Amino acid sequence: MPSARKSILVVDDNPGMADTLTDILQAGECEAATAHSGDVAVRMLIVMAAHTRDGLVQEAETRSGFPVPPKPLDLQRVLALATSATA
């Protein structure tokens, strides 16, 4: 039986950025959904941050157990994180 594709939620207030990254992830091994605001994704894991307050990234990483990649995106790093997070 083939394994189920793992899900990733892409959250960004820039629709072009979010939609492009979602398309890239969907072309690979991931099922990806998009939210264009934090309000839409409030109950979901947010994995990338452009602006943060002190300690927010560390708190998110501690609570989720996953790294929070900053912008600008290093696409190779994001894809590697997505692969390891969904393994």
PDB file of N, CA and C in Angstrom:
ATOM      1  N   MET A   1       0.846  -1.189   0.000  1.00  0.00           N
ATOM      2  CA  MET A   1       0.000   0.000   0.000  1.00  0.00           C
ATOM      3  C   MET A   1       0.880   1.237   0.000  1.00  0.00           C
ATOM      4  N   PRO A   2       0.685   2.173  -0.928  1.00  0.00           N
ATOM      5  CA  PRO A   2       1.513   3.380  -0.973  1.00  0.00           C
ATOM      6  C   PRO A   2       1.274   4.238   0.264  1.00  0.00           C
ATOM      7  N   SER A   3       2.347   4.943   0.681  1.00  0.00           N
ATOM      8  CA  SER A   3       2.201   5.815   1.851  1.00  0.00           C
ATOM      9  C   SER A   3       1.438   7.075   1.480  1.00  0.00           C
ATOM     10  N   ALA A   4       0.706   7.607   2.459  1.00  0.00           N
ATOM     11  CA  ALA A   4      -0.070   8.830   2.244  1.00  0.00           C
ATOM     12  C   ALA A   4       0.872  10.017   2.152  1.00  0.00           C
ATOM     13  N   ARG A   5       0.522  10.966   1.313  1.00  0.00           N
ATOM     14  CA  ARG A   5       1.318  12.190   1.236  1.00  0.00           C
ATOM     15  C   ARG A   5       1.106  12.982   2.501  1.00  0.00           C
ATOM     16  N   LYS A   6       2.153  13.602   3.000  1.00  0.00           N
ATOM     17  CA  LYS A   6       2.081  14.401   4.215  1.00  0.00           C
ATOM     18  C   LYS A   6       1.616  15.806   3.873  1.00  0.00           C
ATOM     19  N   SER A   7       0.944  16.442   4.816  1.00  0.00           N
ATOM     20  CA  SER A   7       0.372  17.766   4.598  1.00  0.00           C
ATOM     21  C   SER A   7       1.223  18.863   5.198  1.00  0.00           C
ATOM     22  N   ILE A   8       1.334  19.962   4.470  1.00  0.00           N
ATOM     23  CA  ILE A   8       2.031  21.162   4.919  1.00  0.00           C
ATOM     24  C   ILE A   8       1.121  22.344   4.667  1.00  0.00           C
ATOM     25  N   LEU A   9       1.036  23.239   5.637  1.00  0.00           N
ATOM     26  CA  LEU A   9       0.274  24.470   5.481  1.00  0.00           C
ATOM     27  C   LEU A   9       1.246  25.613   5.238  1.00  0.00           C
ATOM     28  N   VAL A  10       1.094  26.300   4.121  1.00  0.00           N
ATOM     29  CA  VAL A  10       1.905  27.467   3.782  1.00  0.00           C
ATOM     30  C   VAL A  10       1.096  28.698   4.157  1.00  0.00           C
ATOM     31  N   VAL A  11       1.665  29.549   5.022  1.00  0.00           N
ATOM     32  CA  VAL A  11       0.973  30.752   5.479  1.00  0.00           C
ATOM     33  C   VAL A  11       1.826  31.962   5.134  1.00  0.00           C
ATOM     34  N   ASP A  12       1.251  32.880   4.376  1.00  0.00           N
ATOM     35  CA  ASP A  12       1.949  34.119   4.039  1.00  0.00           C
ATOM     36  C   ASP A  12       0.912  35.150   3.615  1.00  0.00           C
ATOM     37  N   ASP A  13       1.125  36.400   4.019  1.00  0.00           N
ATOM     38  CA  ASP A  13       0.184  37.447   3.619  1.00  0.00           C
ATOM     39  C   ASP A  13       0.443  37.938   2.199  1.00  0.00           C
ATOM     40  N   ASN A  14       1.483  37.426   1.570  1.00  0.00           N
ATOM     41  CA  ASN A  14       1.755  37.712   0.168  1.00  0.00           C
ATOM     42  C   ASN A  14       1.224  36.524  -0.637  1.00  0.00           C
ATOM     43  N   PRO A  15       0.055  36.671  -1.269  1.00  0.00           N
ATOM     44  CA  PRO A  15      -0.545  35.543  -1.976  1.00  0.00           C
ATOM     45  C   PRO A  15       0.364  34.920  -3.032  1.00  0.00           C
ATOM     46  N   GLY A  16       1.118  35.734  -3.730  1.00  0.00           N
ATOM     47  CA  GLY A  16       2.027  35.201  -4.753  1.00  0.00           C
ATOM     48  C   GLY A  16       3.079  34.290  -4.160  1.00  0.00           C
ATOM     49  N   MET A  17       3.667  34.713  -3.044  1.00  0.00           N
ATOM     50  CA  MET A  17       4.686  33.905  -2.366  1.00  0.00           C
ATOM     51  C   MET A  17       4.077  32.597  -1.866  1.00  0.00           C
ATOM     52  N   ALA A  18       2.932  32.693  -1.190  1.00  0.00           N
ATOM     53  CA  ALA A  18       2.294  31.505  -0.630  1.00  0.00           C
ATOM     54  C   ALA A  18       1.877  30.529  -1.729  1.00  0.00           C
ATOM     55  N   ASP A  19       1.267  31.041  -2.769  1.00  0.00           N
ATOM     56  CA  ASP A  19       0.787  30.172  -3.843  1.00  0.00           C
ATOM     57  C   ASP A  19       1.938  29.510  -4.597  1.00  0.00           C
ATOM     58  N   THR A  20       3.025  30.252  -4.830  1.00  0.00           N
ATOM     59  CA  THR A  20       4.188  29.691  -5.529  1.00  0.00           C
ATOM     60  C   THR A  20       4.821  28.581  -4.709  1.00  0.00           C
ATOM     61  N   LEU A  21       5.030  28.828  -3.413  1.00  0.00           N
ATOM     62  CA  LEU A  21       5.625  27.801  -2.561  1.00  0.00           C
ATOM     63  C   LEU A  21       4.712  26.587  -2.458  1.00  0.00           C
ATOM     64  N   THR A  22       3.413  26.807  -2.380  1.00  0.00           N
ATOM     65  CA  THR A  22       2.457  25.701  -2.351  1.00  0.00           C
ATOM     66  C   THR A  22       2.563  24.870  -3.623  1.00  0.00           C
ATOM     67  N   ASP A  23       2.646  25.513  -4.771  1.00  0.00           N
ATOM     68  CA  ASP A  23       2.785  24.804  -6.045  1.00  0.00           C
ATOM     69  C   ASP A  23       4.055  23.965  -6.069  1.00  0.00           C
ATOM     70  N   ILE A  24       5.164  24.529  -5.587  1.00  0.00           N
ATOM     71  CA  ILE A  24       6.444  23.814  -5.567  1.00  0.00           C
ATOM     72  C   ILE A  24       6.346  22.583  -4.670  1.00  0.00           C
ATOM     73  N   LEU A  25       5.771  22.753  -3.494  1.00  0.00           N
ATOM     74  CA  LEU A  25       5.637  21.624  -2.575  1.00  0.00           C
ATOM     75  C   LEU A  25       4.720  20.547  -3.133  1.00  0.00           C
ATOM     76  N   GLN A  26       3.635  20.948  -3.783  1.00  0.00           N
ATOM     77  CA  GLN A  26       2.697  19.981  -4.354  1.00  0.00           C
ATOM     78  C   GLN A  26       3.318  19.208  -5.511  1.00  0.00           C
ATOM     79  N   ALA A  27       4.269  19.820  -6.212  1.00  0.00           N
ATOM     80  CA  ALA A  27       4.941  19.143  -7.309  1.00  0.00           C
ATOM     81  C   ALA A  27       5.893  18.065  -6.786  1.00  0.00           C
ATOM     82  N   GLY A  28       6.245  18.161  -5.523  1.00  0.00           N
ATOM     83  CA  GLY A  28       7.124  17.179  -4.902  1.00  0.00           C
ATOM     84  C   GLY A  28       6.345  16.119  -4.169  1.00  0.00           C
ATOM     85  N   GLU A  29       6.769  15.826  -2.976  1.00  0.00           N
ATOM     86  CA  GLU A  29       6.199  14.734  -2.193  1.00  0.00           C
ATOM     87  C   GLU A  29       5.140  15.169  -1.191  1.00  0.00           C
ATOM     88  N   CYS A  30       4.710  16.426  -1.237  1.00  0.00           N
ATOM     89  CA  CYS A  30       3.847  16.957  -0.183  1.00  0.00           C
ATOM     90  C   CYS A  30       2.467  17.340  -0.693  1.00  0.00           C
ATOM     91  N   GLU A  31       1.514  17.218   0.205  1.00  0.00           N
ATOM     92  CA  GLU A  31       0.200  17.809   0.004  1.00  0.00           C
ATOM     93  C   GLU A  31       0.285  19.159   0.695  1.00  0.00           C
ATOM     94  N   ALA A  32       0.050  20.240  -0.008  1.00  0.00           N
ATOM     95  CA  ALA A  32       0.209  21.570   0.579  1.00  0.00           C
ATOM     96  C   ALA A  32      -1.066  22.375   0.427  1.00  0.00           C
ATOM     97  N   ALA A  33      -1.392  23.103   1.482  1.00  0.00           N
ATOM     98  CA  ALA A  33      -2.530  24.014   1.484  1.00  0.00           C
ATOM     99  C   ALA A  33      -1.998  25.412   1.765  1.00  0.00           C
ATOM    100  N   THR A  34      -2.794  26.408   1.442  1.00  0.00           N
ATOM    101  CA  THR A  34      -2.365  27.795   1.574  1.00  0.00           C
ATOM    102  C   THR A  34      -3.341  28.583   2.433  1.00  0.00           C
ATOM    103  N   ALA A  35      -2.770  29.416   3.299  1.00  0.00           N
ATOM    104  CA  ALA A  35      -3.549  30.399   4.053  1.00  0.00           C
ATOM    105  C   ALA A  35      -2.884  31.746   3.837  1.00  0.00           C
ATOM    106  N   HIS A  36      -3.676  32.754   3.508  1.00  0.00           N
ATOM    107  CA  HIS A  36      -3.117  34.073   3.217  1.00  0.00           C
ATOM    108  C   HIS A  36      -3.130  35.011   4.418  1.00  0.00           C
ATOM    109  N   SER A  37      -3.425  34.478   5.584  1.00  0.00           N
ATOM    110  CA  SER A  37      -3.335  35.300   6.795  1.00  0.00           C
ATOM    111  C   SER A  37      -3.176  34.403   8.005  1.00  0.00           C
ATOM    112  N   GLY A  38      -2.638  34.986   9.054  1.00  0.00           N
ATOM    113  CA  GLY A  38      -2.503  34.257  10.303  1.00  0.00           C
ATOM    114  C   GLY A  38      -3.841  33.893  10.890  1.00  0.00           C
ATOM    115  N   ASP A  39      -4.838  34.759  10.692  1.00  0.00           N
ATOM    116  CA  ASP A  39      -6.177  34.474  11.214  1.00  0.00           C
ATOM    117  C   ASP A  39      -6.728  33.175  10.629  1.00  0.00           C
ATOM    118  N   VAL A  40      -6.495  32.983   9.335  1.00  0.00           N
ATOM    119  CA  VAL A  40      -6.977  31.775   8.670  1.00  0.00           C
ATOM    120  C   VAL A  40      -6.246  30.545   9.216  1.00  0.00           C
ATOM    121  N   ALA A  41      -4.984  30.711   9.574  1.00  0.00           N
ATOM    122  CA  ALA A  41      -4.154  29.586   9.996  1.00  0.00           C
ATOM    123  C   ALA A  41      -3.918  29.523  11.500  1.00  0.00           C
ATOM    124  N   VAL A  42      -4.722  30.229  12.279  1.00  0.00           N
ATOM    125  CA  VAL A  42      -4.457  30.389  13.710  1.00  0.00           C
ATOM    126  C   VAL A  42      -4.315  29.060  14.439  1.00  0.00           C
ATOM    127  N   ARG A  43      -4.988  28.032  14.001  1.00  0.00           N
ATOM    128  CA  ARG A  43      -4.890  26.734  14.658  1.00  0.00           C
ATOM    129  C   ARG A  43      -3.916  25.785  13.964  1.00  0.00           C
ATOM    130  N   MET A  44      -3.180  26.331  12.998  1.00  0.00           N
ATOM    131  CA  MET A  44      -2.241  25.501  12.248  1.00  0.00           C
ATOM    132  C   MET A  44      -0.812  25.933  12.566  1.00  0.00           C
ATOM    133  N   LEU A  45       0.136  25.082  12.213  1.00  0.00           N
ATOM    134  CA  LEU A  45       1.548  25.384  12.396  1.00  0.00           C
ATOM    135  C   LEU A  45       1.993  26.407  11.367  1.00  0.00           C
ATOM    136  N   ILE A  46       2.644  27.472  11.832  1.00  0.00           N
ATOM    137  CA  ILE A  46       3.211  28.480  10.925  1.00  0.00           C
ATOM    138  C   ILE A  46       4.708  28.212  10.850  1.00  0.00           C
ATOM    139  N   VAL A  47       5.247  27.951   9.632  1.00  0.00           N
ATOM    140  CA  VAL A  47       6.620  27.489   9.515  1.00  0.00           C
ATOM    141  C   VAL A  47       7.612  28.494   8.945  1.00  0.00           C
ATOM    142  N   MET A  48       7.203  29.697   8.701  1.00  0.00           N
ATOM    143  CA  MET A  48       8.104  30.686   8.145  1.00  0.00           C
ATOM    144  C   MET A  48       7.726  32.042   8.700  1.00  0.00           C
ATOM    145  N   ALA A  49       8.702  32.850   9.037  1.00  0.00           N
ATOM    146  CA  ALA A  49       8.403  34.156   9.619  1.00  0.00           C
ATOM    147  C   ALA A  49       9.226  35.247   8.948  1.00  0.00           C
ATOM    148  N   ALA A  50       8.560  36.330   8.559  1.00  0.00           N
ATOM    149  CA  ALA A  50       9.254  37.476   7.988  1.00  0.00           C
ATOM    150  C   ALA A  50       9.612  38.471   9.085  1.00  0.00           C
ATOM    151  N   HIS A  51       8.707  38.690   9.993  1.00  0.00           N
ATOM    152  CA  HIS A  51       8.909  39.634  11.084  1.00  0.00           C
ATOM    153  C   HIS A  51       8.542  38.933  12.373  1.00  0.00           C
ATOM    154  N   THR A  52       9.392  39.068  13.364  1.00  0.00           N
ATOM    155  CA  THR A  52       9.096  38.407  14.633  1.00  0.00           C
ATOM    156  C   THR A  52       9.424  39.325  15.788  1.00  0.00           C
ATOM    157  N   ARG A  53       8.769  39.063  16.907  1.00  0.00           N
ATOM    158  CA  ARG A  53       9.144  39.751  18.123  1.00  0.00           C
ATOM    159  C   ARG A  53      10.156  38.865  18.840  1.00  0.00           C
ATOM    160  N   ASP A  54      10.853  39.415  19.798  1.00  0.00           N
ATOM    161  CA  ASP A  54      11.870  38.659  20.524  1.00  0.00           C
ATOM    162  C   ASP A  54      11.300  37.361  21.062  1.00  0.00           C
ATOM    163  N   GLY A  55      11.970  36.266  20.785  1.00  0.00           N
ATOM    164  CA  GLY A  55      11.586  34.979  21.334  1.00  0.00           C
ATOM    165  C   GLY A  55      10.484  34.241  20.608  1.00  0.00           C
ATOM    166  N   LEU A  56       9.807  34.878  19.652  1.00  0.00           N
ATOM    167  CA  LEU A  56       8.683  34.228  18.977  1.00  0.00           C
ATOM    168  C   LEU A  56       9.131  33.014  18.166  1.00  0.00           C
ATOM    169  N   VAL A  57      10.223  33.171  17.419  1.00  0.00           N
ATOM    170  CA  VAL A  57      10.718  32.055  16.609  1.00  0.00           C
ATOM    171  C   VAL A  57      11.122  30.897  17.514  1.00  0.00           C
ATOM    172  N   GLN A  58      11.861  31.206  18.581  1.00  0.00           N
ATOM    173  CA  GLN A  58      12.286  30.153  19.496  1.00  0.00           C
ATOM    174  C   GLN A  58      11.082  29.449  20.125  1.00  0.00           C
ATOM    175  N   GLU A  59      10.071  30.213  20.494  1.00  0.00           N
ATOM    176  CA  GLU A  59       8.862  29.621  21.075  1.00  0.00           C
ATOM    177  C   GLU A  59       8.167  28.703  20.067  1.00  0.00           C
ATOM    178  N   ALA A  60       8.058  29.160  18.828  1.00  0.00           N
ATOM    179  CA  ALA A  60       7.416  28.344  17.790  1.00  0.00           C
ATOM    180  C   ALA A  60       8.204  27.066  17.546  1.00  0.00           C
ATOM    181  N   GLU A  61       9.521  27.175  17.510  1.00  0.00           N
ATOM    182  CA  GLU A  61      10.348  25.988  17.298  1.00  0.00           C
ATOM    183  C   GLU A  61      10.236  25.016  18.466  1.00  0.00           C
ATOM    184  N   THR A  62      10.212  25.543  19.675  1.00  0.00           N
ATOM    185  CA  THR A  62      10.094  24.699  20.856  1.00  0.00           C
ATOM    186  C   THR A  62       8.753  23.982  20.887  1.00  0.00           C
ATOM    187  N   ARG A  63       7.688  24.710  20.620  1.00  0.00           N
ATOM    188  CA  ARG A  63       6.351  24.112  20.676  1.00  0.00           C
ATOM    189  C   ARG A  63       6.113  23.118  19.546  1.00  0.00           C
ATOM    190  N   SER A  64       6.621  23.421  18.370  1.00  0.00           N
ATOM    191  CA  SER A  64       6.352  22.563  17.217  1.00  0.00           C
ATOM    192  C   SER A  64       7.367  21.441  17.060  1.00  0.00           C
ATOM    193  N   GLY A  65       8.583  21.689  17.533  1.00  0.00           N
ATOM    194  CA  GLY A  65       9.646  20.718  17.304  1.00  0.00           C
ATOM    195  C   GLY A  65      10.264  20.827  15.925  1.00  0.00           C
ATOM    196  N   PHE A  66       9.883  21.866  15.183  1.00  0.00           N
ATOM    197  CA  PHE A  66      10.409  22.066  13.834  1.00  0.00           C
ATOM    198  C   PHE A  66      11.067  23.433  13.726  1.00  0.00           C
ATOM    199  N   PRO A  67      12.097  23.548  12.874  1.00  0.00           N
ATOM    200  CA  PRO A  67      12.717  24.864  12.657  1.00  0.00           C
ATOM    201  C   PRO A  67      11.771  25.812  11.927  1.00  0.00           C
ATOM    202  N   VAL A  68      11.948  27.096  12.150  1.00  0.00           N
ATOM    203  CA  VAL A  68      11.156  28.135  11.491  1.00  0.00           C
ATOM    204  C   VAL A  68      12.096  28.893  10.555  1.00  0.00           C
ATOM    205  N   PRO A  69      12.031  28.603   9.252  1.00  0.00           N
ATOM    206  CA  PRO A  69      12.937  29.280   8.325  1.00  0.00           C
ATOM    207  C   PRO A  69      12.540  30.738   8.109  1.00  0.00           C
ATOM    208  N   PRO A  70      13.522  31.624   8.094  1.00  0.00           N
ATOM    209  CA  PRO A  70      13.237  33.052   7.889  1.00  0.00           C
ATOM    210  C   PRO A  70      13.115  33.394   6.404  1.00  0.00           C
ATOM    211  N   LYS A  71      12.585  34.561   6.139  1.00  0.00           N
ATOM    212  CA  LYS A  71      12.613  35.128   4.788  1.00  0.00           C
ATOM    213  C   LYS A  71      13.862  35.990   4.694  1.00  0.00           C
ATOM    214  N   PRO A  72      14.449  36.164   3.533  1.00  0.00           N
ATOM    215  CA  PRO A  72      14.047  35.557   2.267  1.00  0.00           C
ATOM    216  C   PRO A  72      14.294  34.045   2.304  1.00  0.00           C
ATOM    217  N   LEU A  73      13.466  33.339   1.578  1.00  0.00           N
ATOM    218  CA  LEU A  73      13.522  31.884   1.594  1.00  0.00           C
ATOM    219  C   LEU A  73      14.761  31.352   0.905  1.00  0.00           C
ATOM    220  N   ASP A  74      15.349  30.358   1.529  1.00  0.00           N
ATOM    221  CA  ASP A  74      16.349  29.515   0.889  1.00  0.00           C
ATOM    222  C   ASP A  74      15.552  28.282   0.465  1.00  0.00           C
ATOM    223  N   LEU A  75      15.153  28.220  -0.800  1.00  0.00           N
ATOM    224  CA  LEU A  75      14.232  27.197  -1.268  1.00  0.00           C
ATOM    225  C   LEU A  75      14.761  25.791  -1.008  1.00  0.00           C
ATOM    226  N   GLN A  76      16.056  25.571  -1.189  1.00  0.00           N
ATOM    227  CA  GLN A  76      16.618  24.246  -0.931  1.00  0.00           C
ATOM    228  C   GLN A  76      16.443  23.865   0.541  1.00  0.00           C
ATOM    229  N   ARG A  77      16.648  24.834   1.447  1.00  0.00           N
ATOM    230  CA  ARG A  77      16.479  24.566   2.876  1.00  0.00           C
ATOM    231  C   ARG A  77      15.014  24.269   3.204  1.00  0.00           C
ATOM    232  N   VAL A  78      14.095  25.038   2.627  1.00  0.00           N
ATOM    233  CA  VAL A  78      12.671  24.828   2.874  1.00  0.00           C
ATOM    234  C   VAL A  78      12.250  23.447   2.379  1.00  0.00           C
ATOM    235  N   LEU A  79      12.702  23.047   1.201  1.00  0.00           N
ATOM    236  CA  LEU A  79      12.343  21.725   0.683  1.00  0.00           C
ATOM    237  C   LEU A  79      12.933  20.616   1.541  1.00  0.00           C
ATOM    238  N   ALA A  80      14.178  20.813   2.021  1.00  0.00           N
ATOM    239  CA  ALA A  80      14.792  19.821   2.899  1.00  0.00           C
ATOM    240  C   ALA A  80      14.018  19.725   4.215  1.00  0.00           C
ATOM    241  N   LEU A  81      13.602  20.871   4.778  1.00  0.00           N
ATOM    242  CA  LEU A  81      12.809  20.872   6.002  1.00  0.00           C
ATOM    243  C   LEU A  81      11.462  20.194   5.776  1.00  0.00           C
ATOM    244  N   ALA A  82      10.836  20.477   4.652  1.00  0.00           N
ATOM    245  CA  ALA A  82       9.539  19.862   4.348  1.00  0.00           C
ATOM    246  C   ALA A  82       9.678  18.347   4.226  1.00  0.00           C
ATOM    247  N   THR A  83      10.736  17.908   3.607  1.00  0.00           N
ATOM    248  CA  THR A  83      10.970  16.466   3.467  1.00  0.00           C
ATOM    249  C   THR A  83      11.192  15.823   4.824  1.00  0.00           C
ATOM    250  N   SER A  84      12.027  16.429   5.653  1.00  0.00           N
ATOM    251  CA  SER A  84      12.310  15.836   6.966  1.00  0.00           C
ATOM    252  C   SER A  84      11.103  15.922   7.888  1.00  0.00           C
ATOM    253  N   ALA A  85      10.317  16.987   7.781  1.00  0.00           N
ATOM    254  CA  ALA A  85       9.149  17.157   8.661  1.00  0.00           C
ATOM    255  C   ALA A  85       8.039  16.187   8.324  1.00  0.00           C
ATOM    256  N   THR A  86       7.995  15.738   7.093  1.00  0.00           N
ATOM    257  CA  THR A  86       6.913  14.848   6.672  1.00  0.00           C
ATOM    258  C   THR A  86       7.362  13.410   6.532  1.00  0.00           C
ATOM    259  N   ALA A  87       8.589  13.124   6.912  1.00  0.00           N
ATOM    260  CA  ALA A  87       9.114  11.743   6.804  1.00  0.00           C
ATOM    261  C   ALA A  87       8.466  10.834   7.823  1.00  0.00           C
TER     262      ALA A  87
END
